[in-house]
Amino acid sequence: LDCAKLAGNTLVVFTSDNGSTNPPMTEFNHRPNGPWRGRKSTIWDGGHRIPFLARWPGRITPGTRCAEPVCLSDLMATAADLVGEELPASAGEDSVSILPALAGRRFRRPRRGPIIHHSIDGMFAGRQWPHKYVQGRGSGGWDGKGTLTDPAGQLYDLAADPAEQNNLYVSRP
């Protein structure tokens, strides 16, 4: 990437990797992962949703919110898009430029295909708004393995059930 092309552009992104390692401390009303289930290491959203704040004077209107699902891997394609470069086909194949979303454009459908997550123990989940499919029982991490009486998978409608409490795997195969 040609850094000279960035002159005059000051895009600042604040984010992190994965959710907090700390479980909620309800006695202090402390919820480090917000209303989402799980924490770092788990397949649930508390293990994957992270803060993503961006400031870009003249491009991002202060107070703008975007509900578009994005991944940190999207920053690679976004950086290339920002400087007008194309990524080679073998680089960042799961990266999608979020530059239009940062500029405040709304979309009729998501910019990207399914987002694939995995837990610390290697359990996989596929997310395509508003649904999330988890291939396995339990958290896939530090918060429990589930039991043999649990369904073999998990399916959540995140729009209706952002806390992932109602597993639709059996009722919506």
C-alpha atoms as a PDB file:
ATOM      1  CA  LEU A   1       0.000   0.000   0.000  1.00  0.00           C
ATOM      2  CA  ASP A   2       1.243   3.467  -0.863  1.00  0.00           C
ATOM      3  CA  CYS A   3       1.198   5.442   2.406  1.00  0.00           C
ATOM      4  CA  ALA A   4       1.624   8.690   0.476  1.00  0.00           C
ATOM      5  CA  LYS A   5      -1.939   8.204  -0.824  1.00  0.00           C
ATOM      6  CA  LEU A   6      -3.175   8.472   2.768  1.00  0.00           C
ATOM      7  CA  ALA A   7      -2.139  12.134   3.028  1.00  0.00           C
ATOM      8  CA  GLY A   8      -5.117  14.197   4.111  1.00  0.00           C
ATOM      9  CA  ASN A   9      -7.074  11.161   5.332  1.00  0.00           C
ATOM     10  CA  THR A  10      -7.168  10.554   9.067  1.00  0.00           C
ATOM     11  CA  LEU A  11      -9.295   7.535   9.807  1.00  0.00           C
ATOM     12  CA  VAL A  12      -8.953   6.371  13.406  1.00  0.00           C
ATOM     13  CA  VAL A  13     -10.417   2.990  14.415  1.00  0.00           C
ATOM     14  CA  PHE A  14     -10.723   1.803  18.016  1.00  0.00           C
ATOM     15  CA  THR A  15     -11.527  -1.872  18.502  1.00  0.00           C
ATOM     16  CA  SER A  16     -10.328  -5.034  20.247  1.00  0.00           C
ATOM     17  CA  ASP A  17     -10.043  -8.761  19.687  1.00  0.00           C
ATOM     18  CA  ASN A  18     -12.806 -10.961  21.064  1.00  0.00           C
ATOM     19  CA  GLY A  19     -15.013 -10.301  24.081  1.00  0.00           C
ATOM     20  CA  SER A  20     -13.829  -9.808  27.630  1.00  0.00           C
ATOM     21  CA  THR A  21     -12.445 -12.754  29.600  1.00  0.00           C
ATOM     22  CA  ASN A  22     -14.398 -11.659  32.660  1.00  0.00           C
ATOM     23  CA  PRO A  23     -17.811 -13.140  33.451  1.00  0.00           C
ATOM     24  CA  PRO A  24     -20.575 -10.716  34.525  1.00  0.00           C
ATOM     25  CA  MET A  25     -20.448  -9.510  38.129  1.00  0.00           C
ATOM     26  CA  THR A  26     -24.146  -8.967  38.704  1.00  0.00           C
ATOM     27  CA  GLU A  27     -23.690  -7.813  42.289  1.00  0.00           C
ATOM     28  CA  PHE A  28     -21.869  -4.750  40.887  1.00  0.00           C
ATOM     29  CA  ASN A  29     -24.036  -4.440  37.733  1.00  0.00           C
ATOM     30  CA  HIS A  30     -20.853  -5.016  35.693  1.00  0.00           C
ATOM     31  CA  ARG A  31     -21.419  -6.685  32.324  1.00  0.00           C
ATOM     32  CA  PRO A  32     -18.149  -6.493  30.373  1.00  0.00           C
ATOM     33  CA  ASN A  33     -19.740  -8.138  27.309  1.00  0.00           C
ATOM     34  CA  GLY A  34     -22.968  -6.209  27.482  1.00  0.00           C
ATOM     35  CA  PRO A  35     -26.211  -8.149  27.126  1.00  0.00           C
ATOM     36  CA  TRP A  36     -24.607 -10.920  25.063  1.00  0.00           C
ATOM     37  CA  ARG A  37     -24.128 -14.493  26.241  1.00  0.00           C
ATOM     38  CA  GLY A  38     -20.646 -15.874  26.858  1.00  0.00           C
ATOM     39  CA  ARG A  39     -17.209 -14.361  26.995  1.00  0.00           C
ATOM     40  CA  LYS A  40     -13.834 -14.622  25.287  1.00  0.00           C
ATOM     41  CA  SER A  41     -13.134 -18.236  24.241  1.00  0.00           C
ATOM     42  CA  THR A  42     -16.821 -19.078  23.663  1.00  0.00           C
ATOM     43  CA  ILE A  43     -18.768 -19.416  20.433  1.00  0.00           C
ATOM     44  CA  TRP A  44     -21.551 -17.199  21.760  1.00  0.00           C
ATOM     45  CA  ASP A  45     -21.747 -13.498  20.904  1.00  0.00           C
ATOM     46  CA  GLY A  46     -20.187 -12.354  24.183  1.00  0.00           C
ATOM     47  CA  GLY A  47     -17.035 -14.012  22.904  1.00  0.00           C
ATOM     48  CA  HIS A  48     -17.104 -12.309  19.511  1.00  0.00           C
ATOM     49  CA  ARG A  49     -18.881  -8.961  19.655  1.00  0.00           C
ATOM     50  CA  ILE A  50     -16.422  -6.183  20.248  1.00  0.00           C
ATOM     51  CA  PRO A  51     -16.417  -2.397  20.299  1.00  0.00           C
ATOM     52  CA  PHE A  52     -15.769  -0.824  16.921  1.00  0.00           C
ATOM     53  CA  LEU A  53     -15.534   2.941  16.935  1.00  0.00           C
ATOM     54  CA  ALA A  54     -14.330   4.975  13.993  1.00  0.00           C
ATOM     55  CA  ARG A  55     -13.591   8.678  13.644  1.00  0.00           C
ATOM     56  CA  TRP A  56     -12.996  10.241  10.254  1.00  0.00           C
ATOM     57  CA  PRO A  57     -13.542  14.013  10.157  1.00  0.00           C
ATOM     58  CA  GLY A  58     -15.446  15.107   7.082  1.00  0.00           C
ATOM     59  CA  ARG A  59     -16.388  11.528   6.199  1.00  0.00           C
ATOM     60  CA  ILE A  60     -18.142   9.988   9.228  1.00  0.00           C
ATOM     61  CA  THR A  61     -20.878  12.094  10.784  1.00  0.00           C
ATOM     62  CA  PRO A  62     -20.442  12.120  14.584  1.00  0.00           C
ATOM     63  CA  GLY A  63     -23.029   9.940  16.314  1.00  0.00           C
ATOM     64  CA  THR A  64     -23.579   7.721  13.257  1.00  0.00           C
ATOM     65  CA  ARG A  65     -24.443   4.098  14.038  1.00  0.00           C
ATOM     66  CA  CYS A  66     -24.192   1.169  11.667  1.00  0.00           C
ATOM     67  CA  ALA A  67     -25.833  -2.225  12.163  1.00  0.00           C
ATOM     68  CA  GLU A  68     -23.899  -3.817   9.301  1.00  0.00           C
ATOM     69  CA  PRO A  69     -22.101  -6.975  10.551  1.00  0.00           C
ATOM     70  CA  VAL A  70     -18.337  -6.656  10.081  1.00  0.00           C
ATOM     71  CA  CYS A  71     -15.217  -8.597  11.061  1.00  0.00           C
ATOM     72  CA  LEU A  72     -11.749  -7.390  11.901  1.00  0.00           C
ATOM     73  CA  SER A  73     -10.597  -9.228   8.772  1.00  0.00           C
ATOM     74  CA  ASP A  74     -12.592  -6.614   6.828  1.00  0.00           C
ATOM     75  CA  LEU A  75     -10.012  -3.983   7.747  1.00  0.00           C
ATOM     76  CA  MET A  76      -7.602  -5.477   5.188  1.00  0.00           C
ATOM     77  CA  ALA A  77      -9.944  -4.939   2.211  1.00  0.00           C
ATOM     78  CA  THR A  78     -11.004  -1.581   3.660  1.00  0.00           C
ATOM     79  CA  ALA A  79      -7.403  -0.341   3.832  1.00  0.00           C
ATOM     80  CA  ALA A  80      -6.796  -1.449   0.237  1.00  0.00           C
ATOM     81  CA  ASP A  81     -10.029   0.247  -0.882  1.00  0.00           C
ATOM     82  CA  LEU A  82      -9.078   3.404   0.983  1.00  0.00           C
ATOM     83  CA  VAL A  83      -5.863   3.813  -1.013  1.00  0.00           C
ATOM     84  CA  GLY A  84      -7.350   2.552  -4.292  1.00  0.00           C
ATOM     85  CA  GLU A  85      -5.442  -0.726  -4.431  1.00  0.00           C
ATOM     86  CA  GLU A  86      -6.775  -4.179  -5.311  1.00  0.00           C
ATOM     87  CA  LEU A  87      -5.867  -7.125  -3.121  1.00  0.00           C
ATOM     88  CA  PRO A  88      -4.467 -10.185  -4.880  1.00  0.00           C
ATOM     89  CA  ALA A  89      -7.028 -13.026  -5.137  1.00  0.00           C
ATOM     90  CA  SER A  90      -5.016 -15.045  -2.614  1.00  0.00           C
ATOM     91  CA  ALA A  91      -5.000 -12.275   0.029  1.00  0.00           C
ATOM     92  CA  GLY A  92      -7.850 -11.610   2.429  1.00  0.00           C
ATOM     93  CA  GLU A  93     -10.360 -13.764   0.584  1.00  0.00           C
ATOM     94  CA  ASP A  94     -12.799 -13.392   3.509  1.00  0.00           C
ATOM     95  CA  SER A  95     -12.237  -9.643   3.799  1.00  0.00           C
ATOM     96  CA  VAL A  96     -14.892  -7.204   2.549  1.00  0.00           C
ATOM     97  CA  SER A  97     -14.374  -3.457   2.345  1.00  0.00           C
ATOM     98  CA  ILE A  98     -16.528  -1.614   4.861  1.00  0.00           C
ATOM     99  CA  LEU A  99     -15.565   1.753   3.418  1.00  0.00           C
ATOM    100  CA  PRO A 100     -19.136   2.393   2.135  1.00  0.00           C
ATOM    101  CA  ALA A 101     -20.553   1.590   5.598  1.00  0.00           C
ATOM    102  CA  LEU A 102     -18.019   3.942   7.217  1.00  0.00           C
ATOM    103  CA  ALA A 103     -19.198   6.630   4.803  1.00  0.00           C
ATOM    104  CA  GLY A 104     -22.765   6.155   6.081  1.00  0.00           C
ATOM    105  CA  ARG A 105     -24.295   4.309   3.115  1.00  0.00           C
ATOM    106  CA  ARG A 106     -27.210   2.015   3.914  1.00  0.00           C
ATOM    107  CA  PHE A 107     -27.668  -1.295   2.109  1.00  0.00           C
ATOM    108  CA  ARG A 108     -30.734  -3.325   1.188  1.00  0.00           C
ATOM    109  CA  ARG A 109     -28.820  -6.522   1.956  1.00  0.00           C
ATOM    110  CA  PRO A 110     -25.591  -7.254   3.838  1.00  0.00           C
ATOM    111  CA  ARG A 111     -22.298  -6.425   2.111  1.00  0.00           C
ATOM    112  CA  ARG A 112     -20.800  -9.769   2.985  1.00  0.00           C
ATOM    113  CA  GLY A 113     -21.687 -13.439   3.029  1.00  0.00           C
ATOM    114  CA  PRO A 114     -21.718 -15.517   6.186  1.00  0.00           C
ATOM    115  CA  ILE A 115     -19.243 -14.728   8.935  1.00  0.00           C
ATOM    116  CA  ILE A 116     -17.489 -17.815  10.296  1.00  0.00           C
ATOM    117  CA  HIS A 117     -16.493 -17.845  13.973  1.00  0.00           C
ATOM    118  CA  HIS A 118     -14.693 -20.438  16.036  1.00  0.00           C
ATOM    119  CA  SER A 119     -14.229 -20.895  19.741  1.00  0.00           C
ATOM    120  CA  ILE A 120     -11.002 -21.606  21.596  1.00  0.00           C
ATOM    121  CA  ASP A 121     -11.784 -25.347  21.454  1.00  0.00           C
ATOM    122  CA  GLY A 122     -12.409 -25.229  17.683  1.00  0.00           C
ATOM    123  CA  MET A 123     -16.225 -25.193  17.657  1.00  0.00           C
ATOM    124  CA  PHE A 124     -17.498 -23.402  14.550  1.00  0.00           C
ATOM    125  CA  ALA A 125     -20.443 -21.093  13.970  1.00  0.00           C
ATOM    126  CA  GLY A 126     -21.794 -19.476  10.830  1.00  0.00           C
ATOM    127  CA  ARG A 127     -23.591 -16.172  11.053  1.00  0.00           C
ATOM    128  CA  GLN A 128     -25.788 -14.759   8.342  1.00  0.00           C
ATOM    129  CA  TRP A 129     -28.007 -12.034   9.694  1.00  0.00           C
ATOM    130  CA  PRO A 130     -30.252 -12.525  11.554  1.00  0.00           C
ATOM    131  CA  HIS A 131     -29.363 -16.178  12.171  1.00  0.00           C
ATOM    132  CA  LYS A 132     -26.400 -17.885  13.765  1.00  0.00           C
ATOM    133  CA  TYR A 133     -25.789 -21.615  13.513  1.00  0.00           C
ATOM    134  CA  VAL A 134     -23.420 -23.285  15.991  1.00  0.00           C
ATOM    135  CA  GLN A 135     -22.087 -26.708  15.116  1.00  0.00           C
ATOM    136  CA  GLY A 136     -21.963 -28.329  18.555  1.00  0.00           C
ATOM    137  CA  ARG A 137     -23.135 -28.309  22.158  1.00  0.00           C
ATOM    138  CA  GLY A 138     -22.224 -25.827  24.860  1.00  0.00           C
ATOM    139  CA  SER A 139     -19.934 -22.831  24.614  1.00  0.00           C
ATOM    140  CA  GLY A 140     -16.941 -24.393  22.898  1.00  0.00           C
ATOM    141  CA  GLY A 141     -14.813 -22.637  25.492  1.00  0.00           C
ATOM    142  CA  TRP A 142     -14.421 -21.888  29.164  1.00  0.00           C
ATOM    143  CA  ASP A 143     -18.167 -21.643  29.868  1.00  0.00           C
ATOM    144  CA  GLY A 144     -19.091 -25.323  29.515  1.00  0.00           C
ATOM    145  CA  LYS A 145     -19.276 -28.183  27.076  1.00  0.00           C
ATOM    146  CA  GLY A 146     -23.024 -28.841  27.206  1.00  0.00           C
ATOM    147  CA  THR A 147     -24.501 -32.282  27.840  1.00  0.00           C
ATOM    148  CA  LEU A 148     -25.436 -35.258  25.666  1.00  0.00           C
ATOM    149  CA  THR A 149     -29.107 -34.382  26.189  1.00  0.00           C
ATOM    150  CA  ASP A 150     -28.568 -30.985  24.536  1.00  0.00           C
ATOM    151  CA  PRO A 151     -29.363 -30.780  20.806  1.00  0.00           C
ATOM    152  CA  ALA A 152     -26.391 -31.567  18.543  1.00  0.00           C
ATOM    153  CA  GLY A 153     -26.299 -27.938  17.373  1.00  0.00           C
ATOM    154  CA  GLN A 154     -27.553 -24.462  18.130  1.00  0.00           C
ATOM    155  CA  LEU A 155     -29.539 -22.035  15.998  1.00  0.00           C
ATOM    156  CA  TYR A 156     -30.417 -18.536  17.162  1.00  0.00           C
ATOM    157  CA  ASP A 157     -32.430 -15.691  15.650  1.00  0.00           C
ATOM    158  CA  LEU A 158     -30.216 -12.855  16.873  1.00  0.00           C
ATOM    159  CA  ALA A 159     -32.733 -10.155  15.946  1.00  0.00           C
ATOM    160  CA  ALA A 160     -35.381 -11.667  18.238  1.00  0.00           C
ATOM    161  CA  ASP A 161     -33.001 -13.275  20.749  1.00  0.00           C
ATOM    162  CA  PRO A 162     -29.695 -11.351  21.006  1.00  0.00           C
ATOM    163  CA  ALA A 163     -28.852 -13.110  24.311  1.00  0.00           C
ATOM    164  CA  GLU A 164     -28.948 -16.533  22.560  1.00  0.00           C
ATOM    165  CA  GLN A 165     -31.357 -18.074  25.065  1.00  0.00           C
ATOM    166  CA  ASN A 166     -33.839 -19.742  22.680  1.00  0.00           C
ATOM    167  CA  ASN A 167     -32.135 -22.536  20.708  1.00  0.00           C
ATOM    168  CA  LEU A 168     -34.193 -23.111  17.535  1.00  0.00           C
ATOM    169  CA  TYR A 169     -32.094 -26.063  16.336  1.00  0.00           C
ATOM    170  CA  VAL A 170     -34.810 -28.690  16.958  1.00  0.00           C
ATOM    171  CA  SER A 171     -37.857 -26.590  15.997  1.00  0.00           C
ATOM    172  CA  ARG A 172     -36.286 -25.100  12.837  1.00  0.00           C
ATOM    173  CA  PRO A 173     -34.058 -27.818  11.353  1.00  0.00           C
END
